[in-house]
N, C-alpha and C. Protein backbone atom coordinates (compact mmCIF):
# COMPACT_ATOMS: atom_id res chain seq x y z
N MET A 1 124.46 94.65 103.13
CA MET A 1 124.33 93.94 103.83
C MET A 1 123.41 93.10 104.05
N ILE A 2 123.37 91.83 104.08
CA ILE A 2 121.92 91.01 104.11
C ILE A 2 122.06 90.25 105.77
N PRO A 3 121.32 90.42 106.64
CA PRO A 3 121.59 89.66 107.88
C PRO A 3 120.65 88.63 107.78
N VAL A 4 121.75 87.63 108.08
CA VAL A 4 121.55 85.90 107.89
C VAL A 4 121.85 85.64 109.64
N GLY A 5 120.50 85.54 110.14
CA GLY A 5 120.85 84.76 111.82
C GLY A 5 122.01 85.78 112.30
N ASN A 6 122.83 85.22 113.14
CA ASN A 6 123.94 86.26 114.17
C ASN A 6 125.03 87.26 113.41
N TYR A 7 125.09 87.04 112.02
CA TYR A 7 126.00 87.25 110.92
C TYR A 7 125.15 88.16 109.53
N SER A 8 125.73 88.86 109.19
CA SER A 8 125.47 89.05 107.87
C SER A 8 126.30 89.24 106.60
N LYS A 9 125.69 88.89 105.57
CA LYS A 9 126.40 88.68 104.54
C LYS A 9 126.28 89.96 103.12
N CYS A 10 127.16 90.27 102.43
CA CYS A 10 127.29 91.31 101.47
C CYS A 10 126.67 90.52 100.20
N PRO A 11 125.72 90.63 99.76
CA PRO A 11 125.33 90.12 98.11
C PRO A 11 125.94 90.45 97.20
N LYS A 12 127.23 91.54 97.24
CA LYS A 12 127.77 91.91 95.90
C LYS A 12 129.44 90.98 96.19
N CYS A 13 130.15 91.16 97.18
CA CYS A 13 131.21 90.41 97.53
C CYS A 13 131.03 89.29 98.17
N GLY A 14 129.98 88.73 98.99
CA GLY A 14 130.69 87.64 99.66
C GLY A 14 130.91 88.04 101.13
N ARG A 15 131.52 88.68 101.32
CA ARG A 15 131.82 89.03 102.71
C ARG A 15 130.94 88.39 104.01
N GLU A 16 131.10 88.33 105.00
CA GLU A 16 130.69 87.63 106.51
C GLU A 16 130.85 88.63 107.46
N GLU A 17 130.03 89.06 107.86
CA GLU A 17 130.79 90.01 109.25
C GLU A 17 129.35 90.04 110.30
N SER A 18 130.24 89.48 111.83
CA SER A 18 129.36 89.49 113.02
C SER A 18 128.07 90.64 112.79
N ALA A 19 127.18 90.60 113.22
CA ALA A 19 126.15 91.44 113.61
C ALA A 19 126.21 92.52 114.47
N LYS A 20 126.89 92.12 115.85
CA LYS A 20 127.94 93.04 116.62
C LYS A 20 128.56 94.48 115.92
N ASN A 21 129.21 94.01 114.92
CA ASN A 21 130.49 94.71 114.70
C ASN A 21 129.48 95.65 113.64
N ILE A 22 128.46 95.36 112.54
CA ILE A 22 127.80 96.23 111.86
C ILE A 22 127.18 97.49 112.21
N LYS A 23 127.49 98.69 111.60
CA LYS A 23 126.86 100.32 112.03
C LYS A 23 125.54 99.65 111.08
N THR A 24 124.47 100.08 111.99
CA THR A 24 123.17 100.61 111.39
C THR A 24 122.65 101.79 111.03
N GLU A 25 123.59 103.11 111.04
CA GLU A 25 123.15 104.15 110.86
C GLU A 25 123.76 104.63 109.28
N GLU A 26 122.99 104.95 108.75
CA GLU A 26 123.01 105.01 107.22
C GLU A 26 122.74 106.38 106.66
N LYS A 27 123.54 106.95 106.26
CA LYS A 27 123.21 108.42 105.56
C LYS A 27 122.93 108.43 104.26
N ILE A 28 121.47 108.83 104.11
CA ILE A 28 120.45 108.76 102.79
C ILE A 28 120.67 110.52 102.45
N PRO A 29 121.01 110.52 101.17
CA PRO A 29 121.22 111.94 100.64
C PRO A 29 119.51 112.59 100.73
N VAL A 30 119.24 113.98 100.98
CA VAL A 30 118.41 114.47 100.81
C VAL A 30 117.94 114.86 99.31
N LYS A 31 117.00 114.85 98.95
CA LYS A 31 117.02 115.26 97.25
C LYS A 31 115.84 116.33 97.78
N PRO A 32 116.18 117.65 96.74
CA PRO A 32 115.27 118.82 97.03
C PRO A 32 114.01 118.77 96.54
N LYS A 33 112.94 119.22 97.08
CA LYS A 33 111.75 119.55 96.17
C LYS A 33 111.61 121.01 95.26
N VAL A 34 111.34 119.87 94.34
CA VAL A 34 111.18 121.03 92.98
C VAL A 34 109.85 121.05 92.44
N GLY A 35 109.20 122.13 92.50
CA GLY A 35 107.99 122.46 91.95
C GLY A 35 107.67 122.66 90.67
N LYS A 36 106.69 122.34 89.61
CA LYS A 36 106.46 122.22 88.84
C LYS A 36 105.53 123.67 88.57
N GLY A 37 105.93 124.76 87.76
CA GLY A 37 105.12 125.60 87.14
C GLY A 37 104.89 126.44 88.13
N ALA A 38 105.59 126.90 89.21
CA ALA A 38 105.10 127.71 90.59
C ALA A 38 105.18 129.35 90.50
N VAL A 39 104.49 129.90 90.78
CA VAL A 39 104.40 131.37 90.02
C VAL A 39 104.39 131.92 91.67
N ASP A 40 105.02 133.06 91.68
CA ASP A 40 105.19 133.55 92.81
C ASP A 40 104.49 134.76 93.30
N ASP A 41 104.34 135.80 91.93
CA ASP A 41 103.74 137.07 91.96
C ASP A 41 102.11 136.93 91.82
N GLU A 42 101.37 136.37 91.47
CA GLU A 42 100.17 135.87 90.92
C GLU A 42 99.42 134.93 91.58
N ASN A 43 98.22 135.40 91.79
CA ASN A 43 97.34 133.81 92.23
C ASN A 43 96.97 133.45 90.91
N VAL A 44 96.98 131.99 90.75
CA VAL A 44 96.50 131.56 89.15
C VAL A 44 94.82 131.27 89.29
N PHE A 45 94.18 131.24 90.46
CA PHE A 45 92.98 130.99 90.69
C PHE A 45 92.18 132.59 90.55
N ALA A 46 93.12 133.59 90.42
CA ALA A 46 92.17 134.87 89.79
C ALA A 46 91.84 135.06 88.81
N SER A 47 90.30 134.51 88.76
CA SER A 47 89.62 134.73 87.41
C SER A 47 88.88 135.75 87.11
N TYR A 48 88.47 136.24 88.07
CA TYR A 48 87.11 137.16 88.12
C TYR A 48 87.55 138.53 87.84
N GLU A 49 87.15 139.56 87.01
CA GLU A 49 87.39 140.58 86.56
C GLU A 49 86.86 141.81 88.05
N HIS A 50 87.95 142.52 88.71
CA HIS A 50 87.66 142.83 89.87
C HIS A 50 89.20 143.84 89.89
N LYS A 51 89.28 144.97 89.79
CA LYS A 51 90.39 146.00 90.49
C LYS A 51 90.41 146.19 91.59
N CYS A 52 91.61 145.94 92.67
CA CYS A 52 91.78 146.04 93.79
C CYS A 52 91.90 147.32 94.37
N GLU A 53 91.33 147.39 95.58
CA GLU A 53 91.68 148.63 95.89
C GLU A 53 93.09 148.98 96.69
N LYS A 54 93.92 147.81 96.56
CA LYS A 54 95.36 148.00 97.54
C LYS A 54 96.29 148.23 96.55
N CYS A 55 96.50 147.25 95.68
CA CYS A 55 97.73 147.44 94.31
C CYS A 55 97.35 147.90 92.64
N ALA A 56 95.92 147.57 92.75
CA ALA A 56 94.92 147.94 91.38
C ALA A 56 95.15 147.00 90.27
N TYR A 57 95.19 145.60 91.28
CA TYR A 57 95.74 144.30 89.92
C TYR A 57 94.04 144.52 89.49
N GLY A 58 93.73 143.90 88.07
CA GLY A 58 92.73 143.72 87.89
C GLY A 58 92.16 142.13 87.70
N LYS A 59 92.44 141.14 88.38
CA LYS A 59 91.80 140.02 88.63
C LYS A 59 91.51 139.34 90.06
N ALA A 60 90.72 138.73 90.38
CA ALA A 60 90.78 138.63 91.75
C ALA A 60 89.78 136.93 92.01
N GLU A 61 90.16 136.58 92.86
CA GLU A 61 89.82 134.87 93.07
C GLU A 61 88.62 135.19 93.92
N VAL A 62 87.34 134.66 93.54
CA VAL A 62 86.06 134.28 94.34
C VAL A 62 85.83 133.15 95.70
N VAL A 63 85.98 133.77 96.76
CA VAL A 63 86.06 133.04 97.91
C VAL A 63 84.75 133.08 98.53
N ASP A 64 83.95 131.75 98.82
CA ASP A 64 82.82 131.84 99.54
C ASP A 64 83.10 131.40 100.58
N GLN A 65 82.50 131.75 101.36
CA GLN A 65 82.94 131.64 103.16
C GLN A 65 81.88 130.35 103.82
N GLY A 66 80.56 130.36 102.87
CA GLY A 66 79.44 129.89 103.58
C GLY A 66 78.74 130.72 104.35
N ILE A 67 77.93 129.90 105.05
CA ILE A 67 77.19 130.41 106.46
C ILE A 67 77.41 130.09 107.51
N LYS A 68 77.23 130.83 108.55
CA LYS A 68 77.49 130.75 109.91
C LYS A 68 76.29 130.56 110.69
N TYR A 69 74.91 131.03 110.19
CA TYR A 69 74.07 130.40 111.10
C TYR A 69 73.01 130.80 110.06
N SER A 70 71.67 129.84 109.78
CA SER A 70 70.77 129.31 109.12
C SER A 70 70.22 130.56 108.46
N ASP A 71 70.43 131.91 109.01
CA ASP A 71 69.12 132.57 108.75
C ASP A 71 70.15 133.87 108.09
N GLU A 72 71.54 133.23 107.78
CA GLU A 72 72.31 134.30 107.19
C GLU A 72 72.48 133.94 105.87
N GLU A 73 72.85 135.06 104.93
CA GLU A 73 73.68 134.60 103.58
C GLU A 73 74.82 134.09 103.77
N SER A 74 75.79 133.67 102.27
CA SER A 74 76.54 133.25 102.53
C SER A 74 77.67 134.72 102.33
N SER A 75 79.10 134.90 103.11
CA SER A 75 79.92 135.58 102.55
C SER A 75 80.88 135.45 101.85
N VAL A 76 80.86 136.40 101.10
CA VAL A 76 81.71 136.43 99.76
C VAL A 76 82.71 137.11 99.50
N LEU A 77 84.11 136.85 99.33
CA LEU A 77 85.56 137.53 99.40
C LEU A 77 85.81 137.76 97.81
N LEU A 78 86.64 138.70 97.73
CA LEU A 78 87.04 138.68 96.55
C LEU A 78 88.78 139.16 96.63
N ARG A 79 89.36 137.94 96.64
CA ARG A 79 91.13 138.11 96.80
C ARG A 79 91.75 138.12 95.93
N SER A 80 92.43 139.67 95.98
CA SER A 80 93.52 140.01 94.64
C SER A 80 94.28 138.76 94.58
N GLY A 81 94.85 139.02 92.88
CA GLY A 81 95.60 138.08 92.52
C GLY A 81 96.95 138.20 92.76
N LYS A 82 97.29 139.26 93.19
CA LYS A 82 98.37 139.77 93.39
C LYS A 82 98.86 139.91 94.90
N CYS A 83 98.30 140.61 95.27
CA CYS A 83 98.70 141.01 96.58
C CYS A 83 98.19 140.56 97.86
N GLY A 84 96.74 139.64 97.45
CA GLY A 84 96.40 138.86 98.57
C GLY A 84 94.84 139.66 99.61
N TRP A 85 95.17 140.80 99.12
CA TRP A 85 94.06 141.51 99.91
C TRP A 85 92.55 141.05 99.63
N SER A 86 92.02 140.74 100.62
CA SER A 86 90.63 140.67 100.75
C SER A 86 89.34 141.75 100.60
N GLU A 87 88.49 141.74 100.11
CA GLU A 87 87.53 142.66 100.39
C GLU A 87 86.08 141.96 100.46
N GLN A 88 85.33 142.08 101.17
CA GLN A 88 84.06 141.65 101.29
C GLN A 88 82.79 142.26 99.96
N ILE A 89 82.19 141.10 99.49
CA ILE A 89 81.25 141.44 99.00
C ILE A 89 79.62 141.79 99.62
N SER A 90 79.36 142.86 99.85
CA SER A 90 77.69 142.45 100.49
C SER A 90 76.92 142.61 99.60
N LYS A 91 75.63 141.41 99.70
CA LYS A 91 74.39 141.72 99.53
C LYS A 91 73.55 142.19 100.16
N LYS A 92 72.79 143.43 99.62
CA LYS A 92 71.65 144.31 100.49
C LYS A 92 70.26 143.91 99.57
N THR A 93 69.48 142.96 100.60
CA THR A 93 68.35 142.68 100.04
C THR A 93 67.35 143.31 100.60
N SER A 94 66.30 144.11 100.26
CA SER A 94 64.92 144.34 100.93
C SER A 94 64.22 144.13 100.79
């Protein structure tokens, strides 16, 4: 229905109806979202060769958390590609 003044007119059949009698609620079907290439069992960003202490998976994602204060070094974590367990790499400078 296309509103025209105080009434609406259907573009297909030409039927006219008063605007007071028209229901404005319309149900629109919701389409489910489908992802392409989703992988549930492993992290696709895990490309660094590292054996996880928890699950013994052979690849990890490198996560750099940056610095908190200007005189500190950045924190680097290795996150397992399978279980998500994170291990911190400690840099020893002397």
